[in-house]
Amino acid sequence: MDAIDRKILAVLQEDASLSVAEIGQRVGLSSTPCWKRIQRLEADGVIMRRVALVDQDKIGLGISVYVSVETGDHSQEWLARFAQSVRAMPEVMEFYRMAGDVDYMLRVVVPDMQSYDAFYKRLISSVPLKNVTSRFAMEKIKSTTVLPIP
């Protein structure tokens, strides 16, 4: 990946709806070589997909919850069951296996406290868990999907 590929990625992260001609103009390429580079970045998996970003508050998902999970079972079988269960929950936006005092971290979005309670009950009934801690976001100060391209 060279400097032009990195510029293309920076432009696409800001606005993936731009035409290839507009992207090419911004990075100093004509349309055809720019399109070929974008196709290669997609084929290589660098560009995973192009999506529309939706304001969660404007669609009624005003509560963000960070859920930390501790387990007493660290077996592959337990993790497979837990991961399958969590992946099936549409409220879970992100799901990480962690290092440190927490085993797993989830970012969950829901419309209200009743919805979170229903989610919580499904989560704790999915597999045996040692501890579940919920932290509710009071204010979003920064949120971005733009990665800092080195």
N, C-alpha and C. Protein backbone atom coordinates (compact mmCIF):
# COMPACT_ATOMS: atom_id res chain seq x y z
N MET A 1 0.85 -1.17 0.00
CA MET A 1 0.00 0.00 0.00
C MET A 1 0.90 1.24 0.00
N ASP A 2 0.67 2.12 -0.96
CA ASP A 2 1.50 3.31 -1.06
C ASP A 2 0.74 4.56 -0.58
N ALA A 3 1.37 5.72 -0.75
CA ALA A 3 0.79 6.98 -0.26
C ALA A 3 -0.54 7.30 -0.94
N ILE A 4 -0.67 6.98 -2.22
CA ILE A 4 -1.93 7.26 -2.92
C ILE A 4 -3.05 6.37 -2.39
N ASP A 5 -2.75 5.09 -2.14
CA ASP A 5 -3.75 4.20 -1.53
C ASP A 5 -4.21 4.78 -0.18
N ARG A 6 -3.28 5.27 0.58
CA ARG A 6 -3.61 5.84 1.89
C ARG A 6 -4.49 7.08 1.74
N LYS A 7 -4.21 7.89 0.74
CA LYS A 7 -5.05 9.07 0.49
C LYS A 7 -6.46 8.65 0.08
N ILE A 8 -6.54 7.63 -0.76
CA ILE A 8 -7.85 7.11 -1.18
C ILE A 8 -8.63 6.65 0.05
N LEU A 9 -7.97 5.91 0.93
CA LEU A 9 -8.64 5.44 2.14
C LEU A 9 -9.12 6.60 3.01
N ALA A 10 -8.29 7.63 3.13
CA ALA A 10 -8.69 8.80 3.93
C ALA A 10 -9.92 9.48 3.33
N VAL A 11 -9.94 9.63 2.02
CA VAL A 11 -11.08 10.26 1.35
C VAL A 11 -12.33 9.40 1.52
N LEU A 12 -12.22 8.11 1.29
CA LEU A 12 -13.38 7.22 1.41
C LEU A 12 -13.92 7.16 2.84
N GLN A 13 -13.04 7.24 3.81
CA GLN A 13 -13.52 7.23 5.20
C GLN A 13 -14.33 8.48 5.52
N GLU A 14 -14.01 9.57 4.88
CA GLU A 14 -14.76 10.81 5.11
C GLU A 14 -16.08 10.82 4.35
N ASP A 15 -16.08 10.29 3.10
CA ASP A 15 -17.30 10.31 2.29
C ASP A 15 -17.21 9.25 1.20
N ALA A 16 -17.76 8.08 1.47
CA ALA A 16 -17.72 6.98 0.52
C ALA A 16 -18.72 7.15 -0.62
N SER A 17 -19.55 8.19 -0.56
CA SER A 17 -20.53 8.41 -1.62
C SER A 17 -19.96 9.22 -2.78
N LEU A 18 -18.72 9.68 -2.67
CA LEU A 18 -18.10 10.43 -3.76
C LEU A 18 -17.93 9.55 -4.99
N SER A 19 -18.01 10.15 -6.14
CA SER A 19 -17.77 9.40 -7.38
C SER A 19 -16.28 9.08 -7.48
N VAL A 20 -15.97 8.11 -8.31
CA VAL A 20 -14.57 7.74 -8.53
C VAL A 20 -13.80 8.93 -9.10
N ALA A 21 -14.44 9.68 -9.97
CA ALA A 21 -13.79 10.87 -10.55
C ALA A 21 -13.44 11.88 -9.45
N GLU A 22 -14.37 12.09 -8.50
CA GLU A 22 -14.11 13.04 -7.40
C GLU A 22 -12.99 12.53 -6.49
N ILE A 23 -13.01 11.25 -6.21
CA ILE A 23 -11.95 10.67 -5.37
C ILE A 23 -10.61 10.82 -6.08
N GLY A 24 -10.59 10.46 -7.37
CA GLY A 24 -9.36 10.58 -8.15
C GLY A 24 -8.83 12.00 -8.17
N GLN A 25 -9.72 12.95 -8.33
CA GLN A 25 -9.30 14.36 -8.35
C GLN A 25 -8.65 14.75 -7.03
N ARG A 26 -9.20 14.28 -5.93
CA ARG A 26 -8.67 14.62 -4.61
C ARG A 26 -7.32 13.98 -4.33
N VAL A 27 -7.05 12.83 -4.97
CA VAL A 27 -5.77 12.15 -4.70
C VAL A 27 -4.78 12.26 -5.86
N GLY A 28 -5.18 12.96 -6.92
CA GLY A 28 -4.26 13.18 -8.03
C GLY A 28 -4.22 12.06 -9.06
N LEU A 29 -5.33 11.38 -9.28
CA LEU A 29 -5.40 10.30 -10.27
C LEU A 29 -6.59 10.53 -11.19
N SER A 30 -6.51 9.95 -12.39
CA SER A 30 -7.69 9.92 -13.25
C SER A 30 -8.60 8.79 -12.77
N SER A 31 -9.80 8.73 -13.32
CA SER A 31 -10.82 7.78 -12.83
C SER A 31 -10.39 6.32 -12.91
N THR A 32 -9.85 5.89 -14.06
CA THR A 32 -9.55 4.47 -14.24
C THR A 32 -8.51 3.96 -13.26
N PRO A 33 -7.35 4.61 -13.11
CA PRO A 33 -6.39 4.10 -12.12
C PRO A 33 -6.92 4.19 -10.68
N CYS A 34 -7.72 5.20 -10.41
CA CYS A 34 -8.31 5.34 -9.08
C CYS A 34 -9.26 4.17 -8.82
N TRP A 35 -10.13 3.86 -9.79
CA TRP A 35 -11.08 2.76 -9.66
C TRP A 35 -10.35 1.43 -9.47
N LYS A 36 -9.26 1.22 -10.21
CA LYS A 36 -8.49 -0.03 -10.08
C LYS A 36 -7.90 -0.15 -8.68
N ARG A 37 -7.42 0.95 -8.13
CA ARG A 37 -6.87 0.92 -6.78
C ARG A 37 -7.96 0.61 -5.75
N ILE A 38 -9.12 1.23 -5.91
CA ILE A 38 -10.24 0.97 -4.99
C ILE A 38 -10.64 -0.50 -5.07
N GLN A 39 -10.73 -1.03 -6.28
CA GLN A 39 -11.08 -2.45 -6.45
C GLN A 39 -10.05 -3.36 -5.78
N ARG A 40 -8.76 -3.02 -5.93
CA ARG A 40 -7.71 -3.82 -5.31
C ARG A 40 -7.79 -3.74 -3.78
N LEU A 41 -8.05 -2.54 -3.26
CA LEU A 41 -8.19 -2.38 -1.80
C LEU A 41 -9.38 -3.20 -1.28
N GLU A 42 -10.45 -3.27 -2.06
CA GLU A 42 -11.60 -4.10 -1.68
C GLU A 42 -11.25 -5.58 -1.77
N ALA A 43 -10.61 -5.99 -2.84
CA ALA A 43 -10.24 -7.40 -3.03
C ALA A 43 -9.27 -7.87 -1.94
N ASP A 44 -8.38 -6.97 -1.51
CA ASP A 44 -7.41 -7.30 -0.46
C ASP A 44 -8.03 -7.26 0.94
N GLY A 45 -9.28 -6.83 1.05
CA GLY A 45 -9.94 -6.76 2.35
C GLY A 45 -9.60 -5.54 3.17
N VAL A 46 -8.86 -4.60 2.58
CA VAL A 46 -8.55 -3.36 3.29
C VAL A 46 -9.84 -2.55 3.44
N ILE A 47 -10.58 -2.41 2.35
CA ILE A 47 -11.92 -1.82 2.40
C ILE A 47 -12.88 -2.99 2.58
N MET A 48 -13.48 -3.06 3.75
CA MET A 48 -14.33 -4.21 4.07
C MET A 48 -15.72 -4.06 3.45
N ARG A 49 -16.28 -2.87 3.51
CA ARG A 49 -17.59 -2.59 2.92
C ARG A 49 -17.83 -1.10 2.98
N ARG A 50 -18.81 -0.64 2.24
CA ARG A 50 -19.20 0.77 2.27
C ARG A 50 -20.63 0.84 2.80
N VAL A 51 -20.82 1.67 3.82
CA VAL A 51 -22.11 1.71 4.51
C VAL A 51 -22.55 3.15 4.74
N ALA A 52 -23.81 3.32 5.12
CA ALA A 52 -24.31 4.61 5.57
C ALA A 52 -24.25 4.63 7.09
N LEU A 53 -23.75 5.71 7.66
CA LEU A 53 -23.71 5.85 9.11
C LEU A 53 -25.02 6.51 9.56
N VAL A 54 -25.67 5.91 10.53
CA VAL A 54 -26.99 6.36 10.98
C VAL A 54 -26.86 6.92 12.39
N ASP A 55 -27.53 8.04 12.64
CA ASP A 55 -27.55 8.67 13.96
C ASP A 55 -28.46 7.84 14.87
N GLN A 56 -27.88 7.18 15.86
CA GLN A 56 -28.67 6.28 16.71
C GLN A 56 -29.75 7.02 17.48
N ASP A 57 -29.52 8.25 17.88
CA ASP A 57 -30.53 9.01 18.61
C ASP A 57 -31.75 9.31 17.73
N LYS A 58 -31.49 9.62 16.46
CA LYS A 58 -32.59 10.00 15.56
C LYS A 58 -33.47 8.82 15.16
N ILE A 59 -32.99 7.60 15.42
CA ILE A 59 -33.84 6.43 15.15
C ILE A 59 -34.31 5.76 16.44
N GLY A 60 -34.18 6.50 17.54
CA GLY A 60 -34.75 6.02 18.80
C GLY A 60 -33.90 5.05 19.59
N LEU A 61 -32.60 5.03 19.34
CA LEU A 61 -31.69 4.16 20.11
C LEU A 61 -30.78 5.03 20.96
N GLY A 62 -31.38 5.76 21.89
CA GLY A 62 -30.67 6.80 22.64
C GLY A 62 -29.80 6.33 23.78
N ILE A 63 -29.86 5.06 24.13
CA ILE A 63 -29.06 4.60 25.27
C ILE A 63 -27.91 3.72 24.77
N SER A 64 -26.69 4.10 25.14
CA SER A 64 -25.50 3.30 24.87
C SER A 64 -25.01 2.72 26.18
N VAL A 65 -24.76 1.42 26.17
CA VAL A 65 -24.33 0.72 27.38
C VAL A 65 -23.05 -0.05 27.06
N TYR A 66 -22.08 0.08 27.93
CA TYR A 66 -20.85 -0.70 27.83
C TYR A 66 -20.95 -1.79 28.88
N VAL A 67 -20.96 -3.02 28.42
CA VAL A 67 -21.21 -4.16 29.29
C VAL A 67 -19.93 -4.99 29.40
N SER A 68 -19.42 -5.10 30.62
CA SER A 68 -18.24 -5.94 30.83
C SER A 68 -18.71 -7.26 31.43
N VAL A 69 -18.11 -8.33 30.93
CA VAL A 69 -18.50 -9.68 31.32
C VAL A 69 -17.28 -10.43 31.84
N GLU A 70 -17.47 -11.08 32.98
CA GLU A 70 -16.46 -11.97 33.52
C GLU A 70 -17.05 -13.37 33.54
N THR A 71 -16.21 -14.35 33.22
CA THR A 71 -16.66 -15.74 33.24
C THR A 71 -15.71 -16.59 34.05
N GLY A 72 -16.22 -17.66 34.57
CA GLY A 72 -15.37 -18.61 35.27
C GLY A 72 -14.93 -19.74 34.35
N ASP A 73 -15.52 -19.79 33.16
CA ASP A 73 -15.24 -20.86 32.20
C ASP A 73 -14.52 -20.26 30.99
N HIS A 74 -13.31 -20.69 30.75
CA HIS A 74 -12.52 -20.15 29.64
C HIS A 74 -12.30 -21.19 28.54
N SER A 75 -13.19 -22.17 28.48
CA SER A 75 -13.04 -23.22 27.49
C SER A 75 -13.49 -22.75 26.11
N GLN A 76 -12.98 -23.41 25.09
CA GLN A 76 -13.37 -23.10 23.71
C GLN A 76 -14.86 -23.35 23.49
N GLU A 77 -15.39 -24.39 24.12
CA GLU A 77 -16.81 -24.71 23.96
C GLU A 77 -17.68 -23.59 24.53
N TRP A 78 -17.31 -23.10 25.71
CA TRP A 78 -18.07 -22.01 26.33
C TRP A 78 -18.02 -20.77 25.44
N LEU A 79 -16.82 -20.42 24.99
CA LEU A 79 -16.67 -19.24 24.14
C LEU A 79 -17.47 -19.37 22.86
N ALA A 80 -17.46 -20.52 22.24
CA ALA A 80 -18.23 -20.72 21.00
C ALA A 80 -19.71 -20.49 21.25
N ARG A 81 -20.24 -21.03 22.34
CA ARG A 81 -21.67 -20.83 22.66
C ARG A 81 -21.96 -19.37 22.97
N PHE A 82 -21.10 -18.75 23.77
CA PHE A 82 -21.29 -17.34 24.14
C PHE A 82 -21.21 -16.44 22.91
N ALA A 83 -20.20 -16.64 22.08
CA ALA A 83 -20.03 -15.81 20.88
C ALA A 83 -21.22 -15.97 19.95
N GLN A 84 -21.69 -17.18 19.76
CA GLN A 84 -22.84 -17.41 18.89
C GLN A 84 -24.08 -16.69 19.44
N SER A 85 -24.27 -16.75 20.72
CA SER A 85 -25.41 -16.11 21.35
C SER A 85 -25.34 -14.58 21.21
N VAL A 86 -24.17 -14.02 21.51
CA VAL A 86 -24.01 -12.56 21.46
C VAL A 86 -24.11 -12.06 20.02
N ARG A 87 -23.53 -12.77 19.07
CA ARG A 87 -23.62 -12.34 17.66
C ARG A 87 -25.06 -12.27 17.18
N ALA A 88 -25.93 -13.07 17.76
CA ALA A 88 -27.34 -13.10 17.36
C ALA A 88 -28.16 -11.96 17.98
N MET A 89 -27.56 -11.20 18.87
CA MET A 89 -28.28 -10.11 19.55
C MET A 89 -28.05 -8.81 18.78
N PRO A 90 -29.09 -8.29 18.11
CA PRO A 90 -28.90 -7.10 17.27
C PRO A 90 -28.53 -5.84 18.05
N GLU A 91 -28.77 -5.83 19.34
CA GLU A 91 -28.42 -4.65 20.14
C GLU A 91 -26.92 -4.50 20.33
N VAL A 92 -26.16 -5.58 20.14
CA VAL A 92 -24.71 -5.56 20.35
C VAL A 92 -24.03 -5.01 19.10
N MET A 93 -23.41 -3.87 19.24
CA MET A 93 -22.71 -3.22 18.13
C MET A 93 -21.27 -3.67 18.02
N GLU A 94 -20.64 -3.93 19.17
CA GLU A 94 -19.25 -4.37 19.19
C GLU A 94 -19.10 -5.40 20.30
N PHE A 95 -18.17 -6.34 20.08
CA PHE A 95 -17.99 -7.45 21.01
C PHE A 95 -16.50 -7.80 20.99
N TYR A 96 -15.84 -7.68 22.13
CA TYR A 96 -14.41 -7.90 22.21
C TYR A 96 -14.06 -8.88 23.33
N ARG A 97 -13.04 -9.70 23.08
CA ARG A 97 -12.40 -10.48 24.14
C ARG A 97 -11.27 -9.61 24.67
N MET A 98 -11.20 -9.44 25.97
CA MET A 98 -10.30 -8.46 26.57
C MET A 98 -9.14 -9.13 27.32
N ALA A 99 -8.10 -8.35 27.54
CA ALA A 99 -7.03 -8.71 28.46
C ALA A 99 -7.27 -7.89 29.73
N GLY A 100 -6.86 -8.41 30.87
CA GLY A 100 -7.04 -7.67 32.12
C GLY A 100 -8.11 -8.27 32.99
N ASP A 101 -8.76 -7.43 33.80
CA ASP A 101 -9.69 -7.93 34.81
C ASP A 101 -11.08 -8.26 34.26
N VAL A 102 -11.36 -7.89 33.02
CA VAL A 102 -12.64 -8.18 32.38
C VAL A 102 -12.37 -9.13 31.22
N ASP A 103 -13.23 -10.13 31.04
CA ASP A 103 -13.01 -11.11 29.97
C ASP A 103 -13.55 -10.65 28.62
N TYR A 104 -14.75 -10.02 28.63
CA TYR A 104 -15.40 -9.59 27.38
C TYR A 104 -16.02 -8.22 27.59
N MET A 105 -16.06 -7.43 26.51
CA MET A 105 -16.68 -6.11 26.55
C MET A 105 -17.62 -6.00 25.36
N LEU A 106 -18.82 -5.50 25.64
CA LEU A 106 -19.83 -5.32 24.60
C LEU A 106 -20.26 -3.86 24.58
N ARG A 107 -20.51 -3.34 23.40
CA ARG A 107 -21.16 -2.03 23.27
C ARG A 107 -22.56 -2.31 22.77
N VAL A 108 -23.53 -1.87 23.53
CA VAL A 108 -24.93 -2.18 23.28
C VAL A 108 -25.71 -0.89 23.09
N VAL A 109 -26.63 -0.86 22.13
CA VAL A 109 -27.52 0.30 21.97
C VAL A 109 -28.96 -0.18 22.07
N VAL A 110 -29.75 0.58 22.82
CA VAL A 110 -31.16 0.25 23.05
C VAL A 110 -31.96 1.54 23.14
N PRO A 111 -33.28 1.45 22.93
CA PRO A 111 -34.11 2.66 23.00
C PRO A 111 -34.37 3.14 24.43
N ASP A 112 -34.45 2.22 25.39
CA ASP A 112 -34.82 2.63 26.75
C ASP A 112 -34.37 1.58 27.75
N MET A 113 -34.60 1.89 29.02
CA MET A 113 -34.16 1.00 30.10
C MET A 113 -34.88 -0.34 30.06
N GLN A 114 -36.15 -0.37 29.71
CA GLN A 114 -36.88 -1.63 29.62
C GLN A 114 -36.25 -2.54 28.57
N SER A 115 -35.85 -1.95 27.46
CA SER A 115 -35.20 -2.73 26.40
C SER A 115 -33.86 -3.27 26.87
N TYR A 116 -33.12 -2.46 27.64
CA TYR A 116 -31.85 -2.96 28.15
C TYR A 116 -32.09 -4.10 29.13
N ASP A 117 -33.11 -3.97 29.98
CA ASP A 117 -33.42 -5.03 30.93
C ASP A 117 -33.73 -6.34 30.20
N ALA A 118 -34.50 -6.26 29.11
CA ALA A 118 -34.82 -7.46 28.33
C ALA A 118 -33.54 -8.04 27.71
N PHE A 119 -32.67 -7.16 27.19
CA PHE A 119 -31.39 -7.61 26.64
C PHE A 119 -30.57 -8.30 27.73
N TYR A 120 -30.46 -7.67 28.88
CA TYR A 120 -29.67 -8.20 30.00
C TYR A 120 -30.15 -9.60 30.39
N LYS A 121 -31.46 -9.76 30.47
CA LYS A 121 -32.00 -11.07 30.84
C LYS A 121 -31.66 -12.14 29.80
N ARG A 122 -31.71 -11.77 28.51
CA ARG A 122 -31.31 -12.73 27.46
C ARG A 122 -29.83 -13.05 27.56
N LEU A 123 -29.01 -12.04 27.84
CA LEU A 123 -27.57 -12.23 27.94
C LEU A 123 -27.23 -13.19 29.08
N ILE A 124 -27.77 -12.95 30.26
CA ILE A 124 -27.39 -13.78 31.41
C ILE A 124 -27.98 -15.18 31.35
N SER A 125 -28.99 -15.36 30.50
CA SER A 125 -29.54 -16.72 30.38
C SER A 125 -28.87 -17.51 29.25
N SER A 126 -27.98 -16.86 28.48
CA SER A 126 -27.38 -17.54 27.33
C SER A 126 -26.34 -18.58 27.72
N VAL A 127 -25.49 -18.25 28.68
CA VAL A 127 -24.45 -19.16 29.18
C VAL A 127 -24.14 -18.76 30.63
N PRO A 128 -23.51 -19.63 31.40
CA PRO A 128 -23.15 -19.25 32.77
C PRO A 128 -22.11 -18.12 32.76
N LEU A 129 -22.37 -17.08 33.55
CA LEU A 129 -21.48 -15.94 33.66
C LEU A 129 -21.14 -15.69 35.12
N LYS A 130 -19.93 -15.21 35.38
CA LYS A 130 -19.50 -14.92 36.75
C LYS A 130 -19.97 -13.54 37.18
N ASN A 131 -19.82 -12.53 36.29
CA ASN A 131 -20.20 -11.16 36.64
C ASN A 131 -20.50 -10.38 35.37
N VAL A 132 -21.53 -9.55 35.43
CA VAL A 132 -21.89 -8.66 34.33
C VAL A 132 -22.03 -7.27 34.92
N THR A 133 -21.28 -6.31 34.37
CA THR A 133 -21.35 -4.92 34.84
C THR A 133 -21.75 -4.04 33.68
N SER A 134 -22.76 -3.20 33.91
CA SER A 134 -23.27 -2.31 32.87
C SER A 134 -22.89 -0.88 33.21
N ARG A 135 -22.34 -0.18 32.20
CA ARG A 135 -21.99 1.23 32.36
C ARG A 135 -22.75 2.01 31.28
N PHE A 136 -23.55 2.97 31.72
CA PHE A 136 -24.40 3.72 30.81
C PHE A 136 -23.72 5.02 30.42
N ALA A 137 -23.63 5.27 29.11
CA ALA A 137 -23.02 6.51 28.62
C ALA A 137 -23.98 7.66 28.88
N MET A 138 -23.47 8.73 29.47
CA MET A 138 -24.28 9.91 29.76
C MET A 138 -24.26 10.90 28.59
N GLU A 139 -23.11 10.98 27.92
CA GLU A 139 -22.96 11.94 26.82
C GLU A 139 -21.91 11.42 25.86
N LYS A 140 -22.20 11.54 24.56
CA LYS A 140 -21.22 11.17 23.54
C LYS A 140 -20.37 12.41 23.26
N ILE A 141 -19.10 12.33 23.56
CA ILE A 141 -18.20 13.47 23.38
C ILE A 141 -17.45 13.37 22.06
N LYS A 142 -17.06 12.18 21.68
CA LYS A 142 -16.43 11.95 20.38
C LYS A 142 -16.85 10.58 19.88
N SER A 143 -17.17 10.52 18.61
CA SER A 143 -17.47 9.26 17.97
C SER A 143 -17.06 9.38 16.52
N THR A 144 -16.22 8.49 16.06
CA THR A 144 -15.77 8.53 14.68
C THR A 144 -15.57 7.12 14.16
N THR A 145 -15.68 6.97 12.86
CA THR A 145 -15.35 5.71 12.22
C THR A 145 -14.07 5.86 11.40
N VAL A 146 -13.51 7.06 11.39
CA VAL A 146 -12.32 7.35 10.59
C VAL A 146 -11.07 6.89 11.34
N LEU A 147 -10.39 5.90 10.76
CA LEU A 147 -9.14 5.42 11.32
C LEU A 147 -8.01 6.36 10.95
N PRO A 148 -7.05 6.58 11.86
CA PRO A 148 -5.89 7.40 11.51
C PRO A 148 -4.95 6.61 10.60
N ILE A 149 -4.93 6.95 9.33
CA ILE A 149 -4.11 6.21 8.36
C ILE A 149 -2.65 6.57 8.57
N PRO A 150 -1.80 5.58 8.90
CA PRO A 150 -0.37 5.90 9.14
C PRO A 150 0.36 6.24 7.85
